[in-house]
Amino acid sequence: MALRLDGAGVRWIVTGSTARRLLGAAREPRDLDLEVAVADAGAAAGALEIDLPAAEGGGVRSRRGGGVIGGVEVDVSAGVEVRGPGGLLGRPDDTLRDGAVACALGGRTVWCGAPEEGLVRALVAGDWARLEKIAAGGGPPPRLDYVSRRLAAAIAAR
């Protein structure tokens, strides 16, 4: 997948439980979550041979799709926007790797999305069940500067 996305010039990061596992969490991921830049969504869909239609629900809007690719269940998102009691949280394409951490995987370096991003999205959405799941999953402690910067952005965008 990395070779396909890189070959298509797609800006992408590993997110979700796979990213947390690569960063030290004990929980085994069930799938591979990827996030791509909105401007690269079409190229990503073509490279991975999936559809990325607009999706909305639970206060989250994005382009989202996936399937089984090379025997791995893959979920791809672009343009994730969260609206909830904590404000409105989006991300411009040029900040996709803001807070991301370089991780070694299969003899190469991949970018794992900021481990705090899921936490921030759950806080903005007021999704307490998601917060509980994130806390139970372990991983590195949150970088408070990242969390406070993203929450301030969500509040300012209300």
Protein backbone atom coordinates (compact mmCIF):
# COMPACT_ATOMS: atom_id res chain seq x y z
CA MET A 1 0.00 0.00 0.00
CA ALA A 2 2.79 2.39 0.88
CA LEU A 3 4.43 1.84 -2.49
CA ARG A 4 1.13 2.43 -4.30
CA LEU A 5 0.38 5.63 -2.40
CA ASP A 6 3.92 6.95 -2.69
CA GLY A 7 3.97 6.10 -6.40
CA ALA A 8 0.79 8.14 -6.87
CA GLY A 9 2.28 11.10 -4.97
CA VAL A 10 -0.26 10.82 -2.15
CA ARG A 11 0.40 12.49 1.21
CA TRP A 12 -0.68 9.92 3.81
CA ILE A 13 -0.29 8.88 7.44
CA VAL A 14 -1.05 5.75 9.47
CA THR A 15 -3.68 6.46 12.14
CA GLY A 16 -5.87 4.64 14.64
CA SER A 17 -4.89 1.52 16.54
CA THR A 18 -2.11 0.62 14.09
CA ALA A 19 -0.39 3.95 14.70
CA ARG A 20 -0.82 3.57 18.45
CA ARG A 21 0.63 0.03 18.27
CA LEU A 22 3.65 1.28 16.31
CA LEU A 23 4.10 3.92 19.03
CA GLY A 24 4.04 1.41 21.89
CA ALA A 25 0.44 0.51 22.72
CA ALA A 26 -0.17 -3.11 23.67
CA ARG A 27 -3.50 -3.54 21.85
CA GLU A 28 -3.37 -5.47 18.57
CA PRO A 29 -5.05 -3.57 15.72
CA ARG A 30 -7.81 -5.24 13.70
CA ASP A 31 -7.32 -3.09 10.63
CA LEU A 32 -5.11 -0.46 9.05
CA ASP A 33 -6.38 3.10 9.20
CA LEU A 34 -4.90 5.64 6.82
CA GLU A 35 -5.60 9.33 6.41
CA VAL A 36 -4.77 11.12 3.18
CA ALA A 37 -4.76 14.76 2.15
CA VAL A 38 -8.10 15.87 0.66
CA ALA A 39 -6.37 17.04 -2.51
CA ASP A 40 -4.90 13.53 -2.88
CA ALA A 41 -8.13 11.59 -2.21
CA GLY A 42 -8.74 10.81 -5.89
CA ALA A 43 -5.17 9.65 -6.41
CA ALA A 44 -5.35 7.53 -3.24
CA ALA A 45 -8.62 5.94 -4.35
CA GLY A 46 -7.11 5.12 -7.73
CA ALA A 47 -3.86 3.78 -6.28
CA LEU A 48 -5.68 1.52 -3.81
CA GLU A 49 -8.57 0.69 -6.16
CA ILE A 50 -11.24 1.81 -3.69
CA ASP A 51 -14.00 4.42 -3.58
CA LEU A 52 -13.78 7.40 -1.21
CA PRO A 53 -17.31 8.83 -1.17
CA ALA A 54 -18.45 11.62 1.13
CA ALA A 55 -19.55 10.25 4.51
CA GLU A 56 -21.27 11.92 7.43
CA GLY A 57 -22.52 10.78 10.80
CA GLY A 58 -22.03 11.21 14.52
CA GLY A 59 -20.70 14.73 14.03
CA VAL A 60 -17.97 13.58 11.64
CA ARG A 61 -17.73 14.49 7.93
CA SER A 62 -15.07 13.11 5.59
CA ARG A 63 -14.44 11.16 2.47
CA ARG A 64 -14.13 7.55 3.56
CA GLY A 65 -13.78 4.11 2.07
CA GLY A 66 -11.77 0.96 2.15
CA GLY A 67 -11.79 -2.75 1.76
CA VAL A 68 -9.45 -5.69 1.95
CA ILE A 69 -6.18 -4.90 0.21
CA GLY A 70 -3.46 -7.55 0.11
CA GLY A 71 -5.28 -9.50 2.82
CA VAL A 72 -5.46 -6.50 5.17
CA GLU A 73 -8.65 -4.66 6.10
CA VAL A 74 -7.97 -1.01 5.25
CA ASP A 75 -9.98 2.10 6.15
CA VAL A 76 -9.00 5.32 4.33
CA SER A 77 -10.21 8.80 5.27
CA ALA A 78 -9.66 12.26 3.80
CA GLY A 79 -10.80 15.66 5.01
CA VAL A 80 -11.95 14.55 8.44
CA GLU A 81 -14.00 17.27 10.12
CA VAL A 82 -15.47 16.83 13.61
CA ARG A 83 -18.25 19.04 14.98
CA GLY A 84 -19.51 18.71 18.53
CA PRO A 85 -19.88 20.43 21.88
CA GLY A 86 -16.14 21.17 21.83
CA GLY A 87 -16.29 23.13 18.57
CA LEU A 88 -15.34 22.42 14.97
CA LEU A 89 -12.13 20.55 14.21
CA GLY A 90 -10.72 20.19 10.72
CA ARG A 91 -7.25 19.96 9.25
CA PRO A 92 -5.84 21.70 6.19
CA ASP A 93 -3.88 19.39 3.87
CA ASP A 94 -0.59 21.11 4.67
CA THR A 95 -0.93 20.15 8.34
CA LEU A 96 -1.72 16.44 7.77
CA ARG A 97 1.61 15.49 9.36
CA ASP A 98 1.43 18.07 12.15
CA GLY A 99 2.43 16.18 15.29
CA ALA A 100 3.07 12.98 13.31
CA VAL A 101 5.82 10.63 14.46
CA ALA A 102 8.22 8.77 12.14
CA CYS A 103 7.98 5.00 12.72
CA ALA A 104 10.03 2.11 11.35
CA LEU A 105 7.89 -0.46 9.56
CA GLY A 106 9.00 -3.19 7.19
CA GLY A 107 12.42 -1.68 6.62
CA ARG A 108 11.08 1.78 5.82
CA THR A 109 9.89 4.86 7.64
CA VAL A 110 6.18 5.65 7.72
CA TRP A 111 4.44 8.58 9.40
CA CYS A 112 2.11 7.75 12.26
CA GLY A 113 -0.47 10.46 12.81
CA ALA A 114 -0.28 12.37 16.06
CA PRO A 115 -1.36 9.83 18.69
CA GLU A 116 -3.30 12.62 20.40
CA GLU A 117 -5.49 13.35 17.35
CA GLY A 118 -8.00 10.62 18.20
CA LEU A 119 -8.18 11.96 21.74
CA VAL A 120 -8.76 15.52 20.50
CA ARG A 121 -11.43 14.40 18.02
CA ALA A 122 -13.26 12.46 20.75
CA LEU A 123 -13.10 15.45 23.12
CA VAL A 124 -14.48 17.82 20.47
CA ALA A 125 -17.27 15.38 19.61
CA GLY A 126 -18.08 14.71 23.27
CA ASP A 127 -17.66 10.98 22.53
CA TRP A 128 -17.05 9.53 25.99
CA ALA A 129 -17.16 5.92 24.81
CA ARG A 130 -14.38 6.66 22.32
CA LEU A 131 -12.35 8.39 25.04
CA GLU A 132 -12.68 5.30 27.23
CA LYS A 133 -11.54 3.05 24.37
CA ILE A 134 -8.53 5.28 23.66
CA ALA A 135 -7.55 5.32 27.36
CA ALA A 136 -7.84 1.52 27.59
CA GLY A 137 -5.66 1.06 24.50
CA GLY A 138 -2.53 2.51 26.09
CA GLY A 139 0.31 4.04 24.15
CA PRO A 140 2.41 7.11 24.73
CA PRO A 141 1.21 9.82 27.10
CA PRO A 142 -0.50 12.73 25.32
CA ARG A 143 1.63 15.72 24.38
CA LEU A 144 -0.30 18.47 26.10
CA ASP A 145 1.00 21.19 23.75
CA TYR A 146 -0.52 19.33 20.78
CA VAL A 147 -3.82 18.71 22.58
CA SER A 148 -4.18 22.31 23.74
CA ARG A 149 -3.29 23.70 20.28
CA ARG A 150 -5.85 21.50 18.51
CA LEU A 151 -8.58 22.15 21.09
CA ALA A 152 -7.97 25.90 20.83
CA ALA A 153 -8.38 25.61 17.04
CA ALA A 154 -11.69 23.75 17.49
CA ILE A 155 -13.01 26.35 19.92
CA ALA A 156 -11.95 29.24 17.67
CA ALA A 157 -13.73 27.67 14.65
CA ARG A 158 -17.12 27.36 16.38
